[in-house]
């Protein structure tokens, strides 16, 4: 990704990534709550798989944010928000 393409679409791209990170975090909290209230083994396995995938997606989004920062978006407030959203611990 060139510096020009990062500058050109950086804010809208990062805003979309922030929305996705927030949605992933919300769904992860729902899955964690559901895990705490079910005893059905098949449901527990499905929820644990989903939680693992959601946590991996958050890690992927964080990695993308770090790459964008290295590409020249060091002063972006949106990028700082993305990295914060992806780094915050989830309540369990």
N, C-alpha and C. Protein backbone atom coordinates (compact mmCIF):
# COMPACT_ATOMS: atom_id res chain seq x y z
N UNK A 1 0.86 -1.17 0.00
CA UNK A 1 0.00 0.00 0.00
C UNK A 1 0.90 1.24 0.00
N UNK A 2 0.69 2.10 -0.95
CA UNK A 2 1.53 3.29 -1.03
C UNK A 2 1.02 4.36 -0.07
N UNK A 3 1.89 5.33 0.20
CA UNK A 3 1.53 6.41 1.12
C UNK A 3 0.32 7.18 0.59
N UNK A 4 0.24 7.38 -0.72
CA UNK A 4 -0.87 8.12 -1.30
C UNK A 4 -2.18 7.38 -1.09
N UNK A 5 -2.20 6.08 -1.29
CA UNK A 5 -3.44 5.34 -1.10
C UNK A 5 -3.86 5.32 0.36
N UNK A 6 -2.90 5.30 1.29
CA UNK A 6 -3.23 5.37 2.71
C UNK A 6 -3.84 6.72 3.03
N UNK A 7 -3.26 7.81 2.52
CA UNK A 7 -3.79 9.14 2.78
C UNK A 7 -5.17 9.30 2.17
N UNK A 8 -5.35 8.80 0.96
CA UNK A 8 -6.58 8.98 0.20
C UNK A 8 -7.77 8.33 0.88
N UNK A 9 -7.62 7.10 1.32
CA UNK A 9 -8.77 6.37 1.86
C UNK A 9 -8.58 6.03 3.33
N UNK A 10 -7.57 6.58 3.96
CA UNK A 10 -7.23 6.22 5.33
C UNK A 10 -8.34 6.39 6.33
N UNK A 11 -8.96 7.58 6.36
CA UNK A 11 -9.97 7.83 7.38
C UNK A 11 -11.20 6.95 7.22
N UNK A 12 -11.71 6.80 5.99
CA UNK A 12 -12.90 5.97 5.81
C UNK A 12 -12.58 4.50 6.06
N UNK A 13 -11.42 4.06 5.64
CA UNK A 13 -10.99 2.69 5.88
C UNK A 13 -10.89 2.42 7.38
N UNK A 14 -10.24 3.31 8.09
CA UNK A 14 -10.06 3.12 9.52
C UNK A 14 -11.40 3.23 10.25
N UNK A 15 -12.27 4.13 9.81
CA UNK A 15 -13.60 4.23 10.42
C UNK A 15 -14.35 2.92 10.26
N UNK A 16 -14.28 2.31 9.09
CA UNK A 16 -14.93 1.02 8.88
C UNK A 16 -14.31 -0.06 9.76
N UNK A 17 -13.01 -0.05 9.90
CA UNK A 17 -12.34 -1.02 10.77
C UNK A 17 -12.74 -0.81 12.23
N UNK A 18 -12.88 0.45 12.64
CA UNK A 18 -13.32 0.75 14.02
C UNK A 18 -14.73 0.22 14.26
N UNK A 19 -15.62 0.43 13.29
CA UNK A 19 -16.99 -0.09 13.42
C UNK A 19 -16.98 -1.60 13.51
N UNK A 20 -16.16 -2.23 12.69
CA UNK A 20 -16.07 -3.69 12.72
C UNK A 20 -15.53 -4.16 14.08
N UNK A 21 -14.48 -3.52 14.56
CA UNK A 21 -13.90 -3.90 15.86
C UNK A 21 -14.93 -3.76 16.97
N UNK A 22 -15.69 -2.68 16.94
CA UNK A 22 -16.72 -2.48 17.96
C UNK A 22 -17.79 -3.57 17.88
N UNK A 23 -18.21 -3.90 16.66
CA UNK A 23 -19.19 -4.97 16.48
C UNK A 23 -18.67 -6.33 16.94
N UNK A 24 -17.42 -6.60 16.64
CA UNK A 24 -16.81 -7.86 17.08
C UNK A 24 -16.76 -7.90 18.60
N UNK A 25 -16.38 -6.80 19.23
CA UNK A 25 -16.33 -6.75 20.69
C UNK A 25 -17.72 -6.96 21.30
N UNK A 26 -18.74 -6.33 20.73
CA UNK A 26 -20.10 -6.50 21.23
C UNK A 26 -20.55 -7.95 21.12
N UNK A 27 -20.30 -8.56 19.96
CA UNK A 27 -20.70 -9.95 19.78
C UNK A 27 -19.92 -10.86 20.73
N UNK A 28 -18.67 -10.57 20.94
CA UNK A 28 -17.86 -11.39 21.84
C UNK A 28 -18.42 -11.32 23.27
N UNK A 29 -18.83 -10.13 23.70
CA UNK A 29 -19.44 -10.01 25.03
C UNK A 29 -20.74 -10.82 25.10
N UNK A 30 -21.53 -10.82 24.03
CA UNK A 30 -22.76 -11.62 24.01
C UNK A 30 -22.44 -13.12 24.10
N UNK A 31 -21.43 -13.55 23.37
CA UNK A 31 -21.04 -14.96 23.40
C UNK A 31 -20.56 -15.35 24.78
N UNK A 32 -19.75 -14.49 25.41
CA UNK A 32 -19.26 -14.78 26.76
C UNK A 32 -20.42 -14.88 27.75
N UNK A 33 -21.40 -14.00 27.62
CA UNK A 33 -22.57 -14.05 28.49
C UNK A 33 -23.35 -15.34 28.26
N UNK A 34 -23.51 -15.73 27.01
CA UNK A 34 -24.24 -16.96 26.69
C UNK A 34 -23.50 -18.18 27.23
N UNK A 35 -22.17 -18.16 27.16
CA UNK A 35 -21.39 -19.27 27.71
C UNK A 35 -21.62 -19.42 29.21
N UNK A 36 -21.81 -18.31 29.87
CA UNK A 36 -22.03 -18.35 31.32
C UNK A 36 -23.41 -18.80 31.72
N UNK A 37 -24.32 -18.87 30.75
CA UNK A 37 -25.70 -19.21 31.12
C UNK A 37 -26.23 -20.48 30.46
N UNK A 38 -25.36 -21.25 29.83
CA UNK A 38 -25.82 -22.49 29.20
C UNK A 38 -25.05 -23.69 29.74
N UNK A 39 -25.72 -24.82 29.70
CA UNK A 39 -25.07 -26.08 30.08
C UNK A 39 -25.12 -27.08 28.95
N UNK A 40 -25.70 -26.70 27.83
CA UNK A 40 -25.80 -27.56 26.65
C UNK A 40 -24.44 -27.68 25.99
N UNK A 41 -23.87 -28.88 25.96
CA UNK A 41 -22.51 -29.08 25.49
C UNK A 41 -22.31 -28.69 24.03
N UNK A 42 -23.26 -29.00 23.17
CA UNK A 42 -23.10 -28.63 21.76
C UNK A 42 -23.10 -27.11 21.60
N UNK A 43 -23.94 -26.43 22.34
CA UNK A 43 -23.98 -24.97 22.28
C UNK A 43 -22.68 -24.38 22.85
N UNK A 44 -22.19 -24.95 23.92
CA UNK A 44 -20.93 -24.48 24.51
C UNK A 44 -19.79 -24.60 23.50
N UNK A 45 -19.72 -25.73 22.80
CA UNK A 45 -18.66 -25.91 21.80
C UNK A 45 -18.78 -24.89 20.67
N UNK A 46 -20.01 -24.66 20.19
CA UNK A 46 -20.21 -23.69 19.12
C UNK A 46 -19.84 -22.29 19.58
N UNK A 47 -20.25 -21.93 20.79
CA UNK A 47 -19.94 -20.59 21.31
C UNK A 47 -18.44 -20.42 21.55
N UNK A 48 -17.78 -21.45 22.03
CA UNK A 48 -16.33 -21.36 22.22
C UNK A 48 -15.60 -21.19 20.89
N UNK A 49 -16.06 -21.89 19.86
CA UNK A 49 -15.46 -21.72 18.52
C UNK A 49 -15.69 -20.30 18.02
N UNK A 50 -16.92 -19.81 18.20
CA UNK A 50 -17.21 -18.45 17.76
C UNK A 50 -16.37 -17.43 18.52
N UNK A 51 -16.24 -17.60 19.83
CA UNK A 51 -15.42 -16.70 20.62
C UNK A 51 -13.97 -16.69 20.13
N UNK A 52 -13.45 -17.87 19.84
CA UNK A 52 -12.08 -17.97 19.33
C UNK A 52 -11.94 -17.21 18.01
N UNK A 53 -12.90 -17.38 17.12
CA UNK A 53 -12.86 -16.67 15.83
C UNK A 53 -12.96 -15.15 16.01
N UNK A 54 -13.82 -14.73 16.93
CA UNK A 54 -13.97 -13.29 17.18
C UNK A 54 -12.69 -12.70 17.75
N UNK A 55 -12.07 -13.39 18.69
CA UNK A 55 -10.82 -12.90 19.26
C UNK A 55 -9.71 -12.85 18.21
N UNK A 56 -9.71 -13.84 17.31
CA UNK A 56 -8.72 -13.82 16.24
C UNK A 56 -8.97 -12.65 15.30
N UNK A 57 -10.24 -12.34 15.03
CA UNK A 57 -10.55 -11.20 14.16
C UNK A 57 -10.09 -9.90 14.80
N UNK A 58 -10.29 -9.76 16.10
CA UNK A 58 -9.79 -8.57 16.80
C UNK A 58 -8.28 -8.46 16.66
N UNK A 59 -7.59 -9.58 16.79
CA UNK A 59 -6.13 -9.58 16.63
C UNK A 59 -5.75 -9.19 15.21
N UNK A 60 -6.49 -9.69 14.22
CA UNK A 60 -6.23 -9.34 12.82
C UNK A 60 -6.43 -7.85 12.59
N UNK A 61 -7.49 -7.28 13.17
CA UNK A 61 -7.75 -5.85 13.03
C UNK A 61 -6.64 -5.03 13.68
N UNK A 62 -6.17 -5.48 14.82
CA UNK A 62 -5.07 -4.79 15.51
C UNK A 62 -3.80 -4.83 14.64
N UNK A 63 -3.52 -5.99 14.08
CA UNK A 63 -2.36 -6.13 13.21
C UNK A 63 -2.47 -5.19 12.01
N UNK A 64 -3.66 -5.11 11.43
CA UNK A 64 -3.88 -4.19 10.31
C UNK A 64 -3.62 -2.75 10.75
N UNK A 65 -4.09 -2.38 11.93
CA UNK A 65 -3.84 -1.04 12.45
C UNK A 65 -2.36 -0.75 12.62
N UNK A 66 -1.63 -1.74 13.13
CA UNK A 66 -0.19 -1.55 13.31
C UNK A 66 0.53 -1.39 11.97
N UNK A 67 0.08 -2.14 10.97
CA UNK A 67 0.66 -2.00 9.63
C UNK A 67 0.38 -0.61 9.08
N UNK A 68 -0.86 -0.13 9.24
CA UNK A 68 -1.20 1.21 8.77
C UNK A 68 -0.37 2.28 9.47
N UNK A 69 -0.12 2.08 10.76
CA UNK A 69 0.71 3.04 11.49
C UNK A 69 2.12 3.06 10.91
N UNK A 70 2.65 1.89 10.62
CA UNK A 70 3.99 1.83 10.01
C UNK A 70 4.00 2.44 8.61
N UNK A 71 2.84 2.45 7.94
CA UNK A 71 2.74 3.00 6.59
C UNK A 71 2.61 4.52 6.59
N UNK A 72 2.52 5.13 7.77
CA UNK A 72 2.55 6.59 7.81
C UNK A 72 1.36 7.27 8.45
N UNK A 73 0.47 6.54 9.07
CA UNK A 73 -0.69 7.17 9.72
C UNK A 73 -0.47 7.34 11.22
N UNK A 74 0.73 7.72 11.59
CA UNK A 74 1.10 7.80 13.01
C UNK A 74 0.25 8.80 13.80
N UNK A 75 -0.20 9.88 13.19
CA UNK A 75 -0.92 10.92 13.92
C UNK A 75 -2.44 10.79 13.81
N UNK A 76 -2.92 9.70 13.27
CA UNK A 76 -4.35 9.52 13.06
C UNK A 76 -5.07 9.18 14.36
N UNK A 77 -6.04 10.00 14.72
CA UNK A 77 -6.85 9.72 15.92
C UNK A 77 -7.70 8.48 15.68
N UNK A 78 -8.21 8.34 14.46
CA UNK A 78 -9.01 7.16 14.13
C UNK A 78 -8.19 5.88 14.31
N UNK A 79 -6.96 5.92 13.88
CA UNK A 79 -6.09 4.76 14.02
C UNK A 79 -5.82 4.46 15.49
N UNK A 80 -5.62 5.50 16.27
CA UNK A 80 -5.41 5.30 17.71
C UNK A 80 -6.65 4.65 18.34
N UNK A 81 -7.84 5.06 17.90
CA UNK A 81 -9.07 4.46 18.40
C UNK A 81 -9.16 2.99 18.00
N UNK A 82 -8.82 2.69 16.75
CA UNK A 82 -8.85 1.30 16.30
C UNK A 82 -7.94 0.44 17.17
N UNK A 83 -6.73 0.90 17.38
CA UNK A 83 -5.78 0.13 18.18
C UNK A 83 -6.26 -0.03 19.63
N UNK A 84 -6.89 1.01 20.16
CA UNK A 84 -7.44 0.94 21.51
C UNK A 84 -8.59 -0.08 21.58
N UNK A 85 -9.50 -0.02 20.61
CA UNK A 85 -10.62 -0.96 20.60
C UNK A 85 -10.14 -2.41 20.52
N UNK A 86 -9.12 -2.64 19.75
CA UNK A 86 -8.62 -4.00 19.56
C UNK A 86 -7.77 -4.48 20.73
N UNK A 87 -7.31 -3.58 21.56
CA UNK A 87 -6.42 -3.93 22.66
C UNK A 87 -7.14 -4.02 24.00
N UNK A 88 -8.29 -3.39 24.12
CA UNK A 88 -9.02 -3.41 25.40
C UNK A 88 -9.42 -4.82 25.76
N UNK A 89 -9.30 -5.15 27.05
CA UNK A 89 -9.76 -6.47 27.47
C UNK A 89 -11.28 -6.54 27.44
N UNK A 90 -11.79 -7.71 27.18
CA UNK A 90 -13.24 -7.93 27.21
C UNK A 90 -13.64 -8.31 28.63
N UNK A 91 -14.77 -7.82 29.09
CA UNK A 91 -15.28 -8.22 30.40
C UNK A 91 -15.73 -9.66 30.32
N UNK A 92 -15.35 -10.43 31.30
CA UNK A 92 -15.76 -11.85 31.30
C UNK A 92 -16.66 -12.15 32.45
